[in-house]
Amino acid sequence: MSVTYLEAIRAAQEKALQDDPNVFLYGQDIGRFGGAFKATRNLAEKFPGRVMDSPISEDAMVGLAVGAAL
């Protein structure tokens, strides 16, 4: 049985979210929409508050990443 790259990425993201409550996903249209390639489809419903849409603003994305790293 073969696994596509998309399936492997989605499975790895889901496993990381299940295994560690500190993991979150943050990106453009990854929450409700599921991402451009649907790699995060339904993860926002399974992990509320941990799969979040970002605004189309590089400053906001960098600010959240820096804050999360502290």
N, C-alpha and C. Protein backbone atom coordinates (compact mmCIF):
# COMPACT_ATOMS: atom_id res chain seq x y z
N MET A 1 0.84 -1.17 0.00
CA MET A 1 0.00 0.00 0.00
C MET A 1 0.89 1.24 0.00
N SER A 2 0.58 2.18 -0.86
CA SER A 2 1.38 3.41 -0.91
C SER A 2 0.59 4.57 -0.30
N VAL A 3 1.33 5.53 0.20
CA VAL A 3 0.75 6.71 0.82
C VAL A 3 1.23 7.92 0.04
N THR A 4 0.33 8.82 -0.25
CA THR A 4 0.73 10.03 -0.96
C THR A 4 1.41 11.00 0.00
N TYR A 5 2.13 11.96 -0.56
CA TYR A 5 2.75 12.99 0.27
C TYR A 5 1.69 13.72 1.09
N LEU A 6 0.59 14.05 0.46
CA LEU A 6 -0.48 14.77 1.14
C LEU A 6 -1.02 13.96 2.33
N GLU A 7 -1.25 12.67 2.13
CA GLU A 7 -1.73 11.82 3.23
C GLU A 7 -0.71 11.73 4.36
N ALA A 8 0.57 11.65 4.01
CA ALA A 8 1.62 11.56 5.03
C ALA A 8 1.71 12.86 5.83
N ILE A 9 1.62 13.99 5.15
CA ILE A 9 1.67 15.28 5.84
C ILE A 9 0.48 15.43 6.76
N ARG A 10 -0.69 15.10 6.27
CA ARG A 10 -1.90 15.22 7.09
C ARG A 10 -1.82 14.31 8.31
N ALA A 11 -1.38 13.08 8.13
CA ALA A 11 -1.27 12.13 9.24
C ALA A 11 -0.25 12.61 10.27
N ALA A 12 0.87 13.16 9.81
CA ALA A 12 1.89 13.66 10.73
C ALA A 12 1.37 14.86 11.53
N GLN A 13 0.63 15.74 10.88
CA GLN A 13 0.06 16.88 11.58
C GLN A 13 -0.95 16.42 12.64
N GLU A 14 -1.79 15.50 12.26
CA GLU A 14 -2.80 15.00 13.21
C GLU A 14 -2.14 14.29 14.39
N LYS A 15 -1.10 13.49 14.12
CA LYS A 15 -0.40 12.80 15.21
C LYS A 15 0.27 13.79 16.15
N ALA A 16 0.89 14.82 15.59
CA ALA A 16 1.54 15.83 16.43
C ALA A 16 0.51 16.53 17.32
N LEU A 17 -0.64 16.85 16.76
CA LEU A 17 -1.70 17.51 17.54
C LEU A 17 -2.23 16.57 18.64
N GLN A 18 -2.34 15.29 18.33
CA GLN A 18 -2.83 14.32 19.32
C GLN A 18 -1.80 14.10 20.44
N ASP A 19 -0.53 14.04 20.09
CA ASP A 19 0.51 13.68 21.05
C ASP A 19 0.95 14.82 21.97
N ASP A 20 0.83 16.05 21.50
CA ASP A 20 1.37 17.18 22.27
C ASP A 20 0.36 18.33 22.31
N PRO A 21 -0.18 18.64 23.47
CA PRO A 21 -1.16 19.73 23.56
C PRO A 21 -0.57 21.12 23.29
N ASN A 22 0.75 21.23 23.22
CA ASN A 22 1.38 22.52 22.91
C ASN A 22 1.51 22.79 21.41
N VAL A 23 1.24 21.78 20.59
CA VAL A 23 1.35 21.93 19.14
C VAL A 23 0.11 22.65 18.62
N PHE A 24 0.34 23.59 17.72
CA PHE A 24 -0.78 24.22 17.02
C PHE A 24 -0.37 24.49 15.58
N LEU A 25 -1.35 24.63 14.72
CA LEU A 25 -1.12 24.93 13.31
C LEU A 25 -1.69 26.31 13.03
N TYR A 26 -0.96 27.12 12.29
CA TYR A 26 -1.35 28.49 12.01
C TYR A 26 -0.96 28.82 10.59
N GLY A 27 -1.91 29.10 9.74
CA GLY A 27 -1.59 29.42 8.35
C GLY A 27 -2.80 29.96 7.62
N GLN A 28 -2.57 30.40 6.41
CA GLN A 28 -3.63 31.00 5.61
C GLN A 28 -4.63 29.94 5.16
N ASP A 29 -5.88 30.12 5.54
CA ASP A 29 -7.01 29.27 5.14
C ASP A 29 -6.87 27.81 5.56
N ILE A 30 -6.12 27.52 6.62
CA ILE A 30 -5.98 26.12 7.01
C ILE A 30 -7.06 25.67 7.99
N GLY A 31 -7.76 26.61 8.59
CA GLY A 31 -8.79 26.25 9.57
C GLY A 31 -10.04 25.74 8.90
N ARG A 32 -10.95 26.64 8.66
CA ARG A 32 -12.25 26.28 8.09
C ARG A 32 -12.12 25.70 6.68
N PHE A 33 -11.23 26.27 5.87
CA PHE A 33 -11.08 25.85 4.47
C PHE A 33 -10.27 24.57 4.32
N GLY A 34 -9.36 24.28 5.25
CA GLY A 34 -8.57 23.06 5.18
C GLY A 34 -7.28 23.20 4.40
N GLY A 35 -6.94 24.42 4.01
CA GLY A 35 -5.70 24.64 3.27
C GLY A 35 -5.89 24.48 1.77
N ALA A 36 -4.94 25.00 1.03
CA ALA A 36 -5.03 24.97 -0.43
C ALA A 36 -5.10 23.55 -0.97
N PHE A 37 -4.41 22.62 -0.32
CA PHE A 37 -4.40 21.23 -0.79
C PHE A 37 -5.19 20.31 0.13
N LYS A 38 -5.91 20.91 1.08
CA LYS A 38 -6.76 20.18 2.05
C LYS A 38 -5.96 19.31 3.01
N ALA A 39 -4.72 19.70 3.28
CA ALA A 39 -3.87 18.93 4.20
C ALA A 39 -4.34 19.04 5.64
N THR A 40 -5.13 20.07 5.95
CA THR A 40 -5.62 20.24 7.32
C THR A 40 -7.13 20.08 7.41
N ARG A 41 -7.72 19.46 6.42
CA ARG A 41 -9.18 19.29 6.40
C ARG A 41 -9.66 18.58 7.67
N ASN A 42 -10.67 19.17 8.31
CA ASN A 42 -11.33 18.66 9.53
C ASN A 42 -10.47 18.72 10.79
N LEU A 43 -9.23 19.16 10.69
CA LEU A 43 -8.40 19.22 11.90
C LEU A 43 -8.86 20.34 12.84
N ALA A 44 -9.39 21.42 12.28
CA ALA A 44 -9.89 22.52 13.12
C ALA A 44 -11.06 22.06 13.98
N GLU A 45 -11.89 21.18 13.45
CA GLU A 45 -13.02 20.66 14.22
C GLU A 45 -12.55 19.66 15.28
N LYS A 46 -11.55 18.86 14.95
CA LYS A 46 -11.03 17.87 15.90
C LYS A 46 -10.21 18.50 17.01
N PHE A 47 -9.55 19.61 16.70
CA PHE A 47 -8.66 20.27 17.66
C PHE A 47 -9.01 21.76 17.72
N PRO A 48 -10.16 22.09 18.29
CA PRO A 48 -10.58 23.49 18.32
C PRO A 48 -9.58 24.37 19.06
N GLY A 49 -9.33 25.54 18.48
CA GLY A 49 -8.40 26.48 19.08
C GLY A 49 -6.94 26.20 18.79
N ARG A 50 -6.65 25.10 18.08
CA ARG A 50 -5.26 24.75 17.81
C ARG A 50 -4.94 24.69 16.33
N VAL A 51 -5.94 24.85 15.48
CA VAL A 51 -5.74 24.96 14.03
C VAL A 51 -6.40 26.27 13.63
N MET A 52 -5.56 27.27 13.34
CA MET A 52 -6.06 28.63 13.20
C MET A 52 -5.71 29.23 11.85
N ASP A 53 -6.63 30.01 11.34
CA ASP A 53 -6.38 30.78 10.12
C ASP A 53 -5.57 32.02 10.48
N SER A 54 -4.62 32.35 9.63
CA SER A 54 -3.87 33.59 9.83
C SER A 54 -4.37 34.62 8.83
N PRO A 55 -4.23 35.89 9.18
CA PRO A 55 -4.54 36.92 8.19
C PRO A 55 -3.45 36.92 7.12
N ILE A 56 -3.75 37.53 6.01
CA ILE A 56 -2.73 37.64 4.96
C ILE A 56 -1.86 38.84 5.33
N SER A 57 -1.01 38.61 6.31
CA SER A 57 -0.14 39.65 6.83
C SER A 57 1.11 38.99 7.39
N GLU A 58 2.22 39.21 6.72
CA GLU A 58 3.47 38.62 7.16
C GLU A 58 3.84 39.09 8.56
N ASP A 59 3.57 40.35 8.86
CA ASP A 59 3.89 40.88 10.18
C ASP A 59 3.12 40.13 11.27
N ALA A 60 1.86 39.86 11.04
CA ALA A 60 1.05 39.14 12.03
C ALA A 60 1.55 37.72 12.22
N MET A 61 1.90 37.06 11.12
CA MET A 61 2.39 35.67 11.22
C MET A 61 3.71 35.61 11.98
N VAL A 62 4.62 36.54 11.68
CA VAL A 62 5.91 36.57 12.37
C VAL A 62 5.70 36.91 13.84
N GLY A 63 4.81 37.85 14.13
CA GLY A 63 4.54 38.22 15.51
C GLY A 63 4.02 37.06 16.32
N LEU A 64 3.10 36.28 15.77
CA LEU A 64 2.58 35.13 16.49
C LEU A 64 3.68 34.09 16.68
N ALA A 65 4.48 33.85 15.66
CA ALA A 65 5.55 32.85 15.78
C ALA A 65 6.57 33.25 16.83
N VAL A 66 6.94 34.51 16.86
CA VAL A 66 7.91 34.98 17.87
C VAL A 66 7.30 34.85 19.26
N GLY A 67 6.06 35.26 19.41
CA GLY A 67 5.40 35.15 20.71
C GLY A 67 5.28 33.71 21.17
N ALA A 68 4.98 32.80 20.26
CA ALA A 68 4.84 31.39 20.63
C ALA A 68 6.19 30.79 21.03
N ALA A 69 7.26 31.31 20.46
CA ALA A 69 8.59 30.77 20.77
C ALA A 69 9.11 31.21 22.13
N LEU A 70 8.54 32.28 22.68
CA LEU A 70 9.04 32.79 23.96
C LEU A 70 8.58 31.98 25.13
